[in-house]
Amino acid sequence: MNRFHFAFGSAYRLPARGFGISPARAWVEVGDDRFDARFGPWRVTTPLANVADVAVTGPYAFWKTAGPARLAITDRGLTFATNGDRGVLISFHEPVRGLDPLGILRHPELTVTVSEVDRLAQLLRRSALAARAGPAGR
């Protein structure tokens, strides 16, 4: 299991704390078969085989990313951001649960601003490809 911690920019700490987001409650884990991201009270969990694409993105506007989990109205994408510098945009084959506890609203992508952006992107690309290939691909 690989755990990635969020990179908290100083301007993002206070708005995050107001929504229950702290370093202890914000992380991304990549296991043998699963992707799991926690951001305070919000969580996205999906099989690695559901990861369709990965890209490094940024910078981001503070007013669009600071505070709680953010929903993009245009495409239903979800953002877990703790800084405005860089993040990993993860696209899914099948949209995932995340913002809505009932799972009615599903998200085709998730952006996370972890401290090791390049390492997470590389690991997700490699792990998702192996998961789609099945046991013989590992």
Protein backbone atom coordinates (compact mmCIF):
# COMPACT_ATOMS: atom_id res chain seq x y z
CA MET A 1 0.00 0.00 0.00
CA ASN A 2 1.37 3.41 -1.01
CA ARG A 3 0.07 6.43 0.91
CA PHE A 4 0.37 9.99 -0.37
CA HIS A 5 -0.23 12.97 1.90
CA PHE A 6 -1.78 16.20 0.69
CA ALA A 7 0.51 19.24 0.35
CA PHE A 8 -1.16 21.95 2.44
CA GLY A 9 -0.39 25.48 1.28
CA SER A 10 -0.46 28.01 4.13
CA ALA A 11 -3.44 29.90 2.65
CA TYR A 12 -5.42 26.65 2.38
CA ARG A 13 -5.01 25.41 5.96
CA LEU A 14 -7.65 27.52 7.68
CA PRO A 15 -10.40 27.08 5.03
CA ALA A 16 -9.74 23.32 5.04
CA ARG A 17 -9.89 23.03 8.82
CA GLY A 18 -13.38 24.57 8.83
CA PHE A 19 -14.59 21.54 6.83
CA GLY A 20 -12.81 18.86 8.89
CA ILE A 21 -9.88 18.56 6.48
CA SER A 22 -6.49 18.11 8.14
CA PRO A 23 -3.27 16.26 7.31
CA ALA A 24 -4.51 13.32 9.40
CA ARG A 25 -7.79 13.18 7.44
CA ALA A 26 -6.52 13.85 3.91
CA TRP A 27 -4.60 11.22 1.97
CA VAL A 28 -4.53 9.05 -1.14
CA GLU A 29 -3.74 5.32 -1.04
CA VAL A 30 -2.90 3.08 -3.96
CA GLY A 31 -3.02 -0.63 -3.17
CA ASP A 32 -2.65 -3.73 -5.32
CA ASP A 33 -6.19 -3.45 -6.68
CA ARG A 34 -7.73 -0.26 -5.20
CA PHE A 35 -7.51 3.50 -5.29
CA ASP A 36 -8.71 5.31 -2.17
CA ALA A 37 -8.75 9.08 -1.54
CA ARG A 38 -9.94 10.72 1.67
CA PHE A 39 -10.51 14.43 2.12
CA GLY A 40 -12.02 15.14 5.52
CA PRO A 41 -15.55 13.73 5.38
CA TRP A 42 -15.38 12.93 1.64
CA ARG A 43 -14.01 9.73 0.15
CA VAL A 44 -13.50 8.20 -3.29
CA THR A 45 -12.79 4.48 -3.56
CA THR A 46 -12.62 2.49 -6.79
CA PRO A 47 -10.79 -0.48 -8.31
CA LEU A 48 -7.53 0.49 -10.02
CA ALA A 49 -8.85 -1.04 -13.23
CA ASN A 50 -11.38 1.84 -13.27
CA VAL A 51 -8.59 4.42 -13.70
CA ALA A 52 -8.72 5.44 -17.37
CA ASP A 53 -6.17 8.27 -17.54
CA VAL A 54 -3.86 10.33 -15.34
CA ALA A 55 -2.50 13.84 -15.92
CA VAL A 56 -0.54 16.38 -13.91
CA THR A 57 -2.40 19.71 -13.87
CA GLY A 58 -2.24 23.16 -12.29
CA PRO A 59 -1.97 25.88 -11.23
CA TYR A 60 -5.44 26.44 -9.74
CA ALA A 61 -7.29 29.57 -8.63
CA PHE A 62 -7.59 29.84 -4.84
CA TRP A 63 -11.26 30.81 -4.93
CA LYS A 64 -12.06 27.71 -7.04
CA THR A 65 -10.19 25.20 -4.88
CA ALA A 66 -9.83 26.31 -1.22
CA GLY A 67 -12.06 24.81 1.46
CA PRO A 68 -14.29 21.77 0.96
CA ALA A 69 -14.37 19.21 -1.83
CA ARG A 70 -15.31 21.06 -5.02
CA LEU A 71 -17.71 20.02 -7.75
CA ALA A 72 -17.20 21.27 -11.31
CA ILE A 73 -20.64 22.18 -12.57
CA THR A 74 -19.62 21.72 -16.22
CA ASP A 75 -18.47 18.09 -16.05
CA ARG A 76 -19.22 16.85 -12.48
CA GLY A 77 -15.48 16.49 -11.81
CA LEU A 78 -14.45 16.48 -8.15
CA THR A 79 -11.47 18.33 -6.64
CA PHE A 80 -9.73 17.64 -3.33
CA ALA A 81 -7.29 20.60 -3.13
CA THR A 82 -4.96 21.84 -0.41
CA ASN A 83 -2.80 24.09 -2.57
CA GLY A 84 -3.00 25.93 -5.88
CA ASP A 85 0.24 24.68 -7.41
CA ARG A 86 -0.10 21.22 -8.94
CA GLY A 87 -2.23 18.13 -8.70
CA VAL A 88 -3.07 14.81 -10.29
CA LEU A 89 -6.19 14.61 -12.45
CA ILE A 90 -7.52 11.04 -12.43
CA SER A 91 -10.14 10.11 -15.04
CA PHE A 92 -12.32 7.04 -14.54
CA HIS A 93 -13.93 4.59 -16.98
CA GLU A 94 -17.05 4.48 -14.80
CA PRO A 95 -17.91 7.59 -12.72
CA VAL A 96 -17.31 7.22 -8.97
CA ARG A 97 -19.09 8.22 -5.75
CA GLY A 98 -17.52 11.02 -3.75
CA LEU A 99 -19.41 14.18 -2.88
CA ASP A 100 -22.90 12.78 -2.43
CA PRO A 101 -23.23 10.21 0.40
CA LEU A 102 -26.12 8.49 -1.42
CA GLY A 103 -24.08 8.02 -4.61
CA ILE A 104 -26.68 9.62 -6.86
CA LEU A 105 -24.13 12.11 -8.18
CA ARG A 106 -21.14 10.36 -9.76
CA HIS A 107 -17.83 11.90 -10.84
CA PRO A 108 -15.95 11.06 -14.06
CA GLU A 109 -12.72 12.49 -12.64
CA LEU A 110 -10.96 13.52 -9.44
CA THR A 111 -8.13 16.00 -8.89
CA VAL A 112 -5.92 15.62 -5.80
CA THR A 113 -3.11 17.94 -4.67
CA VAL A 114 -0.74 15.51 -2.98
CA SER A 115 2.84 16.34 -2.05
CA GLU A 116 4.35 13.83 -4.50
CA VAL A 117 2.39 14.66 -7.65
CA ASP A 118 4.76 13.05 -10.16
CA ARG A 119 5.22 9.86 -8.12
CA LEU A 120 1.45 9.40 -7.69
CA ALA A 121 0.81 10.00 -11.39
CA GLN A 122 3.48 7.47 -12.39
CA LEU A 123 2.27 4.87 -9.88
CA LEU A 124 -1.36 5.23 -10.97
CA ARG A 125 -0.48 4.87 -14.66
CA ARG A 126 1.54 1.74 -14.00
CA SER A 127 -0.87 0.20 -11.46
CA ALA A 128 -4.02 0.88 -13.50
CA LEU A 129 -2.50 -0.68 -16.59
CA ALA A 130 -1.46 -3.76 -14.60
CA ALA A 131 -4.92 -4.01 -12.99
CA ARG A 132 -6.64 -3.91 -16.38
CA ALA A 133 -4.26 -6.60 -17.66
CA GLY A 134 -5.30 -8.90 -14.81
CA PRO A 135 -3.12 -11.31 -12.78
CA ALA A 136 -0.89 -12.10 -15.77
CA GLY A 137 -0.05 -8.39 -16.16
CA ARG A 138 1.34 -7.99 -12.64
